[in-house]
Amino acid sequence: MLQTILLVAMILISVALAGVILLQRSEGGALGMGGGPSGFMTARGAGNLLTRTTWILSILFFLCAIGLTIVGNMDRSSRSIVDADAVGELAAPPSTSSAPAADPTAPAQPAAPSLQDLESSLSGASAAPAPAQPAPTE
């Protein structure tokens, strides 16, 4: 509800800001309010009013944009895209102290994926074992 109100206010402020900017006198004097001092407002008075109105509308525009950002992110959950538990299981070595004794007649359980398996699947390479390092000779 609040997001809808802020969005409508943002649209109205944007239209008003565009109108006020277009009313201002350009450098060449081709557009906007101008003329002599005999008009409704003097050129200097019109400039001050339009400048002040532009500043007020621009401040309202930015406040409304910040408000929309805050209200829009209130509904987002604080949970990460990458599940921290799953990454922790891949990076942590398996603990053998809490593992039950294996039954020799039971079918073999697949090994837990390792960090190397994850890296190889992300790079598109096959899961080849790392080459053995030769022993240094002295």
N, C-alpha and C. Protein backbone atom coordinates (compact mmCIF):
# COMPACT_ATOMS: atom_id res chain seq x y z
N MET A 1 0.83 -1.19 0.00
CA MET A 1 0.00 0.00 0.00
C MET A 1 0.88 1.26 0.00
N LEU A 2 1.86 1.29 0.91
CA LEU A 2 2.76 2.43 1.00
C LEU A 2 3.59 2.57 -0.27
N GLN A 3 3.96 1.43 -0.84
CA GLN A 3 4.74 1.46 -2.07
C GLN A 3 3.93 2.06 -3.21
N THR A 4 2.66 1.77 -3.29
CA THR A 4 1.79 2.33 -4.33
C THR A 4 1.65 3.85 -4.16
N ILE A 5 1.48 4.28 -2.91
CA ILE A 5 1.35 5.72 -2.65
C ILE A 5 2.64 6.45 -3.05
N LEU A 6 3.78 5.87 -2.66
CA LEU A 6 5.05 6.49 -3.02
C LEU A 6 5.28 6.50 -4.52
N LEU A 7 4.84 5.45 -5.20
CA LEU A 7 5.01 5.38 -6.65
C LEU A 7 4.16 6.44 -7.35
N VAL A 8 2.92 6.63 -6.91
CA VAL A 8 2.06 7.67 -7.49
C VAL A 8 2.65 9.05 -7.21
N ALA A 9 3.16 9.26 -5.99
CA ALA A 9 3.78 10.54 -5.66
C ALA A 9 5.02 10.77 -6.52
N MET A 10 5.78 9.72 -6.78
CA MET A 10 6.98 9.84 -7.62
C MET A 10 6.62 10.25 -9.04
N ILE A 11 5.54 9.69 -9.57
CA ILE A 11 5.10 10.05 -10.92
C ILE A 11 4.65 11.51 -10.97
N LEU A 12 3.86 11.94 -9.98
CA LEU A 12 3.40 13.33 -9.95
C LEU A 12 4.56 14.31 -9.80
N ILE A 13 5.51 13.97 -8.94
CA ILE A 13 6.68 14.84 -8.75
C ILE A 13 7.50 14.90 -10.04
N SER A 14 7.64 13.78 -10.72
CA SER A 14 8.42 13.75 -11.97
C SER A 14 7.78 14.62 -13.04
N VAL A 15 6.47 14.54 -13.18
CA VAL A 15 5.78 15.36 -14.18
C VAL A 15 5.91 16.84 -13.82
N ALA A 16 5.72 17.17 -12.55
CA ALA A 16 5.84 18.57 -12.12
C ALA A 16 7.27 19.08 -12.31
N LEU A 17 8.25 18.27 -12.01
CA LEU A 17 9.64 18.66 -12.17
C LEU A 17 9.98 18.90 -13.63
N ALA A 18 9.49 18.04 -14.51
CA ALA A 18 9.73 18.24 -15.95
C ALA A 18 9.07 19.53 -16.42
N GLY A 19 7.86 19.81 -15.95
CA GLY A 19 7.18 21.04 -16.34
C GLY A 19 7.89 22.29 -15.86
N VAL A 20 8.37 22.28 -14.62
CA VAL A 20 9.06 23.44 -14.07
C VAL A 20 10.39 23.66 -14.80
N ILE A 21 11.07 22.60 -15.13
CA ILE A 21 12.33 22.73 -15.86
C ILE A 21 12.09 23.31 -17.25
N LEU A 22 11.02 22.87 -17.90
CA LEU A 22 10.73 23.39 -19.23
C LEU A 22 10.27 24.85 -19.21
N LEU A 23 9.72 25.31 -18.09
CA LEU A 23 9.28 26.70 -17.99
C LEU A 23 10.45 27.67 -17.81
N GLN A 24 11.57 27.16 -17.34
CA GLN A 24 12.69 28.05 -17.07
C GLN A 24 13.29 28.60 -18.35
N ARG A 25 13.87 29.74 -18.23
CA ARG A 25 14.48 30.43 -19.37
C ARG A 25 15.77 29.69 -19.75
N SER A 26 15.92 29.45 -21.05
CA SER A 26 17.14 28.81 -21.52
C SER A 26 18.22 29.85 -21.66
N GLU A 27 19.43 29.41 -21.94
CA GLU A 27 20.54 30.34 -22.09
C GLU A 27 20.32 31.28 -23.27
N GLY A 28 19.71 30.78 -24.35
CA GLY A 28 19.47 31.62 -25.50
C GLY A 28 18.24 32.48 -25.36
N GLY A 29 17.40 32.19 -24.39
CA GLY A 29 16.19 32.96 -24.18
C GLY A 29 15.06 32.58 -25.12
N ALA A 30 15.17 31.43 -25.81
CA ALA A 30 14.15 31.04 -26.77
C ALA A 30 12.94 30.43 -26.08
N LEU A 31 13.13 29.74 -24.97
CA LEU A 31 12.03 29.08 -24.28
C LEU A 31 11.78 29.72 -22.92
N GLY A 32 10.64 29.47 -22.39
CA GLY A 32 10.37 29.84 -21.02
C GLY A 32 9.79 31.22 -20.85
N MET A 33 9.68 31.59 -19.59
CA MET A 33 9.11 32.88 -19.24
C MET A 33 10.17 33.95 -19.41
N GLY A 34 9.82 34.97 -19.95
CA GLY A 34 10.76 36.04 -20.16
C GLY A 34 10.00 37.34 -20.27
N GLY A 35 10.49 38.21 -21.06
CA GLY A 35 9.77 39.45 -21.27
C GLY A 35 10.28 40.54 -20.36
N GLY A 36 9.60 41.65 -20.44
CA GLY A 36 10.00 42.81 -19.67
C GLY A 36 9.44 42.80 -18.27
N PRO A 37 9.77 43.83 -17.51
CA PRO A 37 9.30 43.90 -16.14
C PRO A 37 7.82 44.24 -16.02
N SER A 38 7.15 44.47 -17.12
CA SER A 38 5.74 44.83 -17.04
C SER A 38 4.82 43.62 -16.93
N GLY A 39 5.35 42.41 -17.01
CA GLY A 39 4.53 41.20 -16.95
C GLY A 39 4.09 40.88 -15.53
N PHE A 40 3.55 39.68 -15.37
CA PHE A 40 3.06 39.24 -14.06
C PHE A 40 4.19 39.23 -13.03
N MET A 41 5.32 38.69 -13.45
CA MET A 41 6.48 38.64 -12.57
C MET A 41 7.67 39.20 -13.35
N THR A 42 8.58 39.78 -12.66
CA THR A 42 9.78 40.25 -13.34
C THR A 42 10.62 39.04 -13.71
N ALA A 43 11.57 39.23 -14.62
CA ALA A 43 12.42 38.12 -15.05
C ALA A 43 13.22 37.57 -13.89
N ARG A 44 13.68 38.45 -13.02
CA ARG A 44 14.47 38.00 -11.88
C ARG A 44 13.59 37.25 -10.88
N GLY A 45 12.37 37.74 -10.64
CA GLY A 45 11.45 37.07 -9.72
C GLY A 45 11.02 35.70 -10.23
N ALA A 46 10.78 35.61 -11.54
CA ALA A 46 10.40 34.32 -12.10
C ALA A 46 11.53 33.33 -11.99
N GLY A 47 12.75 33.81 -12.21
CA GLY A 47 13.91 32.93 -12.09
C GLY A 47 14.08 32.41 -10.67
N ASN A 48 13.90 33.28 -9.69
CA ASN A 48 14.03 32.86 -8.30
C ASN A 48 12.95 31.85 -7.91
N LEU A 49 11.71 32.12 -8.31
CA LEU A 49 10.61 31.21 -7.99
C LEU A 49 10.81 29.86 -8.66
N LEU A 50 11.15 29.85 -9.94
CA LEU A 50 11.33 28.58 -10.65
C LEU A 50 12.55 27.83 -10.13
N THR A 51 13.60 28.53 -9.78
CA THR A 51 14.79 27.87 -9.22
C THR A 51 14.46 27.23 -7.89
N ARG A 52 13.76 27.96 -7.04
CA ARG A 52 13.40 27.42 -5.73
C ARG A 52 12.43 26.23 -5.88
N THR A 53 11.48 26.33 -6.80
CA THR A 53 10.54 25.23 -7.04
C THR A 53 11.28 24.01 -7.56
N THR A 54 12.26 24.21 -8.44
CA THR A 54 13.04 23.09 -8.97
C THR A 54 13.80 22.40 -7.86
N TRP A 55 14.41 23.19 -6.97
CA TRP A 55 15.14 22.59 -5.85
C TRP A 55 14.21 21.78 -4.95
N ILE A 56 13.06 22.32 -4.63
CA ILE A 56 12.12 21.62 -3.75
C ILE A 56 11.64 20.33 -4.40
N LEU A 57 11.27 20.40 -5.68
CA LEU A 57 10.80 19.20 -6.36
C LEU A 57 11.91 18.16 -6.51
N SER A 58 13.14 18.60 -6.73
CA SER A 58 14.23 17.63 -6.86
C SER A 58 14.52 16.96 -5.53
N ILE A 59 14.45 17.70 -4.43
CA ILE A 59 14.64 17.09 -3.11
C ILE A 59 13.53 16.09 -2.83
N LEU A 60 12.29 16.45 -3.15
CA LEU A 60 11.17 15.52 -2.97
C LEU A 60 11.34 14.27 -3.84
N PHE A 61 11.86 14.46 -5.06
CA PHE A 61 12.08 13.34 -5.98
C PHE A 61 13.08 12.36 -5.37
N PHE A 62 14.20 12.86 -4.86
CA PHE A 62 15.21 11.98 -4.29
C PHE A 62 14.73 11.33 -3.00
N LEU A 63 14.01 12.05 -2.17
CA LEU A 63 13.47 11.45 -0.95
C LEU A 63 12.47 10.35 -1.28
N CYS A 64 11.65 10.59 -2.30
CA CYS A 64 10.68 9.58 -2.71
C CYS A 64 11.39 8.34 -3.29
N ALA A 65 12.47 8.55 -4.03
CA ALA A 65 13.23 7.43 -4.58
C ALA A 65 13.87 6.61 -3.47
N ILE A 66 14.42 7.28 -2.47
CA ILE A 66 15.01 6.56 -1.34
C ILE A 66 13.93 5.81 -0.57
N GLY A 67 12.77 6.44 -0.37
CA GLY A 67 11.66 5.78 0.31
C GLY A 67 11.18 4.56 -0.44
N LEU A 68 11.08 4.66 -1.77
CA LEU A 68 10.68 3.50 -2.56
C LEU A 68 11.68 2.37 -2.45
N THR A 69 12.95 2.69 -2.41
CA THR A 69 13.98 1.66 -2.26
C THR A 69 13.87 0.96 -0.92
N ILE A 70 13.67 1.73 0.13
CA ILE A 70 13.57 1.13 1.46
C ILE A 70 12.31 0.28 1.58
N VAL A 71 11.18 0.80 1.12
CA VAL A 71 9.92 0.05 1.22
C VAL A 71 9.97 -1.20 0.33
N GLY A 72 10.60 -1.09 -0.83
CA GLY A 72 10.70 -2.24 -1.72
C GLY A 72 11.57 -3.35 -1.17
N ASN A 73 12.57 -3.00 -0.34
CA ASN A 73 13.46 -4.01 0.22
C ASN A 73 13.00 -4.55 1.56
N MET A 74 11.91 -4.04 2.09
CA MET A 74 11.40 -4.56 3.36
C MET A 74 10.89 -5.99 3.22
N ASP A 75 10.32 -6.32 2.08
CA ASP A 75 9.74 -7.64 1.89
C ASP A 75 10.78 -8.69 1.52
N ARG A 76 11.96 -8.25 1.08
CA ARG A 76 13.00 -9.21 0.73
C ARG A 76 13.49 -9.91 1.96
N SER A 77 13.78 -11.18 1.81
CA SER A 77 14.32 -11.91 2.95
C SER A 77 15.81 -11.62 3.07
N SER A 78 16.32 -11.80 4.24
CA SER A 78 17.73 -11.51 4.46
C SER A 78 18.61 -12.72 4.15
N ARG A 79 18.03 -13.74 3.57
CA ARG A 79 18.78 -14.95 3.26
C ARG A 79 19.57 -14.76 1.98
N SER A 80 20.74 -15.29 1.96
CA SER A 80 21.62 -15.16 0.82
C SER A 80 21.18 -16.10 -0.29
N ILE A 81 21.56 -15.76 -1.52
CA ILE A 81 21.27 -16.64 -2.65
C ILE A 81 22.05 -17.94 -2.50
N VAL A 82 23.28 -17.81 -2.07
CA VAL A 82 24.11 -18.99 -1.83
C VAL A 82 23.83 -19.44 -0.41
N ASP A 83 23.35 -20.65 -0.27
CA ASP A 83 23.02 -21.17 1.04
C ASP A 83 24.31 -21.44 1.80
N ALA A 84 24.49 -20.77 2.92
CA ALA A 84 25.73 -20.86 3.68
C ALA A 84 25.93 -22.28 4.22
N ASP A 85 24.86 -22.98 4.55
CA ASP A 85 25.02 -24.34 5.07
C ASP A 85 25.57 -25.29 4.02
N ALA A 86 25.08 -25.16 2.79
CA ALA A 86 25.55 -26.05 1.72
C ALA A 86 27.01 -25.77 1.40
N VAL A 87 27.40 -24.52 1.37
CA VAL A 87 28.79 -24.19 1.09
C VAL A 87 29.67 -24.67 2.23
N GLY A 88 29.18 -24.54 3.45
CA GLY A 88 29.95 -25.01 4.61
C GLY A 88 30.16 -26.51 4.58
N GLU A 89 29.18 -27.28 4.12
CA GLU A 89 29.34 -28.73 4.02
C GLU A 89 30.37 -29.09 2.99
N LEU A 90 30.44 -28.33 1.90
CA LEU A 90 31.41 -28.63 0.86
C LEU A 90 32.83 -28.29 1.31
N ALA A 91 32.98 -27.21 2.06
CA ALA A 91 34.31 -26.75 2.43
C ALA A 91 34.85 -27.46 3.66
N ALA A 92 33.99 -27.89 4.56
CA ALA A 92 34.45 -28.51 5.81
C ALA A 92 34.77 -29.99 5.57
N PRO A 93 35.85 -30.48 6.18
CA PRO A 93 36.15 -31.91 6.04
C PRO A 93 35.12 -32.73 6.81
N PRO A 94 34.78 -33.91 6.32
CA PRO A 94 33.78 -34.72 7.03
C PRO A 94 34.35 -35.20 8.37
N SER A 95 33.49 -35.17 9.38
CA SER A 95 33.93 -35.63 10.70
C SER A 95 33.64 -37.12 10.81
N THR A 96 34.61 -37.86 11.30
CA THR A 96 34.46 -39.32 11.41
C THR A 96 34.02 -39.73 12.79
N SER A 97 34.04 -38.82 13.75
CA SER A 97 33.70 -39.19 15.12
C SER A 97 32.21 -39.48 15.29
N SER A 98 31.35 -38.81 14.58
CA SER A 98 29.92 -39.01 14.75
C SER A 98 29.33 -39.95 13.70
N ALA A 99 30.15 -40.48 12.80
CA ALA A 99 29.64 -41.36 11.75
C ALA A 99 29.37 -42.75 12.32
N PRO A 100 28.23 -43.36 12.00
CA PRO A 100 27.94 -44.71 12.49
C PRO A 100 28.83 -45.73 11.76
N ALA A 101 28.96 -46.88 12.37
CA ALA A 101 29.78 -47.95 11.77
C ALA A 101 29.11 -48.41 10.48
N ALA A 102 29.91 -48.61 9.44
CA ALA A 102 29.38 -49.01 8.14
C ALA A 102 29.01 -50.48 8.15
N ASP A 103 27.88 -50.80 7.57
CA ASP A 103 27.42 -52.18 7.45
C ASP A 103 28.03 -52.75 6.16
N PRO A 104 28.79 -53.84 6.23
CA PRO A 104 29.43 -54.36 5.02
C PRO A 104 28.43 -54.89 4.00
N THR A 105 27.22 -55.24 4.41
CA THR A 105 26.24 -55.76 3.46
C THR A 105 25.40 -54.67 2.81
N ALA A 106 25.49 -53.47 3.36
CA ALA A 106 24.69 -52.36 2.82
C ALA A 106 25.33 -51.85 1.54
N PRO A 107 24.51 -51.34 0.61
CA PRO A 107 25.10 -50.79 -0.62
C PRO A 107 25.96 -49.57 -0.29
N ALA A 108 26.94 -49.36 -1.10
CA ALA A 108 27.86 -48.25 -0.87
C ALA A 108 27.14 -46.92 -1.06
N GLN A 109 27.40 -46.00 -0.16
CA GLN A 109 26.82 -44.66 -0.25
C GLN A 109 27.74 -43.79 -1.10
N PRO A 110 27.17 -42.94 -1.93
CA PRO A 110 28.04 -42.06 -2.72
C PRO A 110 28.79 -41.10 -1.79
N ALA A 111 29.99 -40.77 -2.19
CA ALA A 111 30.80 -39.86 -1.38
C ALA A 111 30.20 -38.46 -1.45
N ALA A 112 30.37 -37.72 -0.37
CA ALA A 112 29.88 -36.34 -0.35
C ALA A 112 30.68 -35.53 -1.36
N PRO A 113 30.02 -34.59 -2.04
CA PRO A 113 30.76 -33.79 -3.02
C PRO A 113 31.83 -32.94 -2.33
N SER A 114 32.93 -32.78 -3.00
CA SER A 114 34.02 -32.00 -2.44
C SER A 114 34.05 -30.63 -3.10
N LEU A 115 34.88 -29.77 -2.59
CA LEU A 115 35.03 -28.44 -3.15
C LEU A 115 35.62 -28.52 -4.55
N GLN A 116 36.48 -29.51 -4.79
CA GLN A 116 37.06 -29.69 -6.13
C GLN A 116 35.96 -30.09 -7.13
N ASP A 117 35.01 -30.91 -6.70
CA ASP A 117 33.90 -31.27 -7.58
C ASP A 117 33.07 -30.04 -7.95
N LEU A 118 32.85 -29.18 -6.98
CA LEU A 118 32.09 -27.95 -7.23
C LEU A 118 32.82 -27.05 -8.22
N GLU A 119 34.13 -26.87 -8.01
CA GLU A 119 34.91 -26.02 -8.91
C GLU A 119 34.95 -26.59 -10.32
N SER A 120 35.09 -27.90 -10.42
CA SER A 120 35.15 -28.49 -11.77
C SER A 120 33.80 -28.43 -12.46
N SER A 121 32.71 -28.54 -11.71
CA SER A 121 31.40 -28.46 -12.36
C SER A 121 31.10 -27.03 -12.81
N LEU A 122 31.60 -26.05 -12.06
CA LEU A 122 31.39 -24.67 -12.45
C LEU A 122 32.23 -24.29 -13.67
N SER A 123 33.43 -24.86 -13.78
CA SER A 123 34.29 -24.52 -14.91
C SER A 123 33.95 -25.34 -16.15
N GLY A 124 33.13 -26.36 -16.00
CA GLY A 124 32.73 -27.18 -17.14
C GLY A 124 33.71 -28.30 -17.43
N ALA A 125 34.77 -28.40 -16.67
CA ALA A 125 35.75 -29.46 -16.88
C ALA A 125 35.27 -30.73 -16.20
N SER A 126 35.82 -31.84 -16.64
CA SER A 126 35.46 -33.11 -16.01
C SER A 126 36.13 -33.20 -14.66
N ALA A 127 35.58 -34.01 -13.80
CA ALA A 127 36.10 -34.14 -12.45
C ALA A 127 37.29 -35.09 -12.47
N ALA A 128 38.41 -34.65 -12.98
CA ALA A 128 39.61 -35.46 -13.03
C ALA A 128 40.40 -35.25 -11.75
N PRO A 129 41.01 -36.31 -11.24
CA PRO A 129 41.79 -36.14 -10.01
C PRO A 129 43.02 -35.29 -10.29
N ALA A 130 43.48 -34.63 -9.26
CA ALA A 130 44.65 -33.78 -9.41
C ALA A 130 45.89 -34.64 -9.66
N PRO A 131 46.78 -34.21 -10.54
CA PRO A 131 47.98 -35.01 -10.80
C PRO A 131 48.86 -35.07 -9.56
N ALA A 132 49.50 -36.23 -9.40
CA ALA A 132 50.36 -36.43 -8.24
C ALA A 132 51.62 -35.62 -8.40
N GLN A 133 52.08 -35.03 -7.32
CA GLN A 133 53.31 -34.24 -7.35
C GLN A 133 54.50 -35.20 -7.17
N PRO A 134 55.50 -35.09 -8.04
CA PRO A 134 56.66 -35.97 -7.87
C PRO A 134 57.46 -35.55 -6.62
N ALA A 135 58.11 -36.53 -6.03
CA ALA A 135 58.89 -36.27 -4.83
C ALA A 135 60.12 -35.46 -5.22
N PRO A 136 60.45 -34.44 -4.45
CA PRO A 136 61.63 -33.64 -4.78
C PRO A 136 62.91 -34.46 -4.62
N THR A 137 63.77 -34.32 -5.56
CA THR A 137 65.06 -35.04 -5.49
C THR A 137 66.13 -34.09 -4.99
N GLU A 138 67.02 -34.67 -4.22
CA GLU A 138 68.07 -33.83 -3.66
C GLU A 138 69.39 -34.10 -4.31
